[in-house]
Protein backbone atom coordinates (compact mmCIF):
# COMPACT_ATOMS: atom_id res chain seq x y z
CA MET A 1 -0.14 -0.26 -0.19
CA LYS A 2 1.65 3.29 -1.08
CA ARG A 3 1.40 5.94 1.72
CA ASN A 4 0.94 9.79 1.00
CA LYS A 5 4.16 11.68 1.00
CA ARG A 6 5.41 12.89 4.41
CA ILE A 7 6.72 16.74 4.19
CA LEU A 8 8.37 18.68 6.77
CA ILE A 9 7.92 22.60 6.36
CA ALA A 10 10.46 24.41 8.25
CA LYS A 11 11.22 27.93 9.08
CA LEU A 12 15.09 28.26 9.70
CA GLY A 13 16.78 30.94 11.53
CA LEU A 14 15.43 34.03 13.30
CA ASP A 15 13.04 35.00 10.61
CA GLY A 16 9.60 35.66 12.29
CA HIS A 17 7.13 35.62 9.23
CA ASP A 18 5.56 32.30 8.70
CA ARG A 19 2.46 33.24 6.58
CA GLY A 20 3.89 31.73 3.26
CA ALA A 21 4.87 28.53 4.92
CA LYS A 22 1.74 27.90 6.67
CA VAL A 23 -0.20 28.49 3.28
CA VAL A 24 2.09 25.94 1.56
CA ALA A 25 1.70 23.64 4.41
CA ARG A 26 -2.21 23.98 4.35
CA GLY A 27 -2.13 23.58 0.51
CA LEU A 28 -0.16 20.46 0.74
CA LYS A 29 -2.30 18.93 3.34
CA GLU A 30 -5.49 19.71 1.37
CA ALA A 31 -3.88 17.91 -1.50
CA GLY A 32 -3.66 14.81 0.53
CA MET A 33 -0.03 14.82 1.82
CA GLU A 34 1.20 14.48 5.42
CA VAL A 35 2.66 17.78 6.65
CA ILE A 36 4.76 18.52 9.63
CA TYR A 37 5.22 22.04 10.27
CA THR A 38 8.02 23.09 12.53
CA GLY A 39 6.84 26.61 13.66
CA LEU A 40 9.00 29.69 13.74
CA ARG A 41 12.88 30.07 14.71
CA ASN A 42 14.26 26.71 14.13
CA THR A 43 17.80 25.64 14.23
CA ALA A 44 19.45 23.41 11.30
CA GLN A 45 19.56 21.10 14.11
CA ASP A 46 15.88 21.18 14.89
CA VAL A 47 14.97 20.42 11.41
CA VAL A 48 17.21 17.48 10.90
CA ARG A 49 16.20 15.97 14.15
CA THR A 50 12.41 16.44 13.18
CA ALA A 51 13.12 15.03 9.70
CA VAL A 52 14.75 12.10 11.22
CA GLN A 53 12.18 11.26 13.71
CA GLU A 54 9.09 11.80 11.50
CA ASP A 55 10.82 9.69 8.66
CA VAL A 56 9.85 12.44 6.02
CA ASP A 57 10.02 12.16 2.30
CA LEU A 58 11.01 15.88 1.66
CA ILE A 59 11.87 18.93 3.43
CA GLY A 60 10.68 22.37 2.70
CA VAL A 61 12.47 25.29 4.01
CA SER A 62 11.23 28.93 4.11
CA ILE A 63 13.56 31.63 4.53
CA LEU A 64 12.97 35.41 4.13
CA SER A 65 15.70 36.81 6.40
CA GLY A 66 18.61 36.68 3.92
CA ALA A 67 20.53 34.19 5.83
CA HIS A 68 19.90 31.32 3.49
CA LYS A 69 23.37 30.64 2.22
CA THR A 70 24.72 30.08 6.02
CA LEU A 71 21.47 28.31 7.01
CA ILE A 72 21.02 25.83 3.95
CA LYS A 73 24.74 25.08 4.13
CA LYS A 74 24.46 24.11 7.52
CA LEU A 75 21.42 22.03 6.83
CA PHE A 76 22.95 19.91 4.36
CA LYS A 77 26.15 19.10 6.48
CA LEU A 78 23.71 17.71 9.30
CA LEU A 79 21.86 16.09 6.57
CA GLU A 80 25.06 14.26 5.75
CA ASP A 81 26.00 13.61 9.24
CA GLU A 82 22.65 11.84 9.70
CA GLU A 83 22.91 9.87 6.63
CA ILE A 84 19.62 11.29 5.00
CA ALA A 85 21.22 13.62 2.62
CA GLU A 86 19.30 11.97 -0.34
CA THR A 87 15.93 13.59 1.14
CA PRO A 88 14.94 16.24 -1.33
CA VAL A 89 15.08 19.66 0.21
CA LEU A 90 13.14 22.52 -1.49
CA VAL A 91 13.72 26.42 -0.52
CA GLY A 92 11.12 29.06 -0.80
CA GLY A 93 11.14 32.53 0.07
CA ILE A 94 13.19 35.56 -0.82
CA ILE A 95 16.08 34.12 -2.37
CA PRO A 96 18.04 36.43 -4.77
CA LYS A 97 18.62 34.96 -8.14
CA ASP A 98 22.37 35.42 -7.94
CA ASP A 99 22.21 32.74 -5.07
CA TYR A 100 20.44 30.03 -6.63
CA SER A 101 23.47 28.35 -8.38
CA TYR A 102 25.09 28.25 -4.77
CA LEU A 103 22.04 26.66 -3.26
CA TYR A 104 21.67 24.36 -6.04
CA ASN A 105 25.42 23.16 -5.73
CA LEU A 106 24.97 22.71 -2.08
CA GLY A 107 22.03 19.93 -2.84
CA VAL A 108 18.79 22.06 -3.08
CA ASN A 109 16.41 20.28 -5.51
CA LYS A 110 14.15 23.44 -6.14
CA ILE A 111 13.98 27.15 -5.27
CA PHE A 112 10.44 28.49 -5.17
CA GLY A 113 10.62 32.47 -5.00
CA SER A 114 8.31 34.67 -3.52
CA GLY A 115 4.96 34.77 -5.57
CA THR A 116 5.19 31.01 -6.95
CA SER A 117 1.82 29.57 -7.05
CA LEU A 118 0.67 26.63 -4.74
CA GLU A 119 -0.31 24.72 -8.05
CA GLU A 120 3.54 24.85 -9.17
CA ILE A 121 4.88 23.61 -5.86
CA LEU A 122 2.26 20.83 -5.75
CA ASN A 123 3.03 19.64 -9.20
CA TYR A 124 6.83 19.63 -8.51
CA ILE A 125 6.43 17.68 -5.30
CA ARG A 126 3.76 15.22 -7.05
CA ASP A 127 6.34 14.79 -9.96
CA LEU A 128 9.39 13.87 -7.54
CA LYS A 129 10.12 10.14 -7.70
CA SER A 130 9.92 8.55 -4.39
CA GLU A 131 12.10 5.75 -3.73
CA ARG A 132 10.30 4.53 -0.51
């Protein structure tokens, strides 16, 4: 029996704005996916710990603070340490286009900028091949 995708939606760093993350989390849930939302002000360690505990298929990170390079680099280091670096990571928020290649080189699967439609995010997630 195939299970629904389990998706972790996380807010990394000190950013206190989570409206977009909540909209995405709700949209994914309404589309039939299991969603775990971490709430505000998480460390990379918090996110990885939750990903391991919840056995997620995908991690979605929302960052609006401008600290995306540092936070995502730390996140990937910890994912590697926990031997779950194959877990797809999506990043959303206010990310300058000049930083996309840096994040992709770290291992980010997809970046969704401000204003991305929920339908585009859902279609991308549905199309991801799950090895579970």
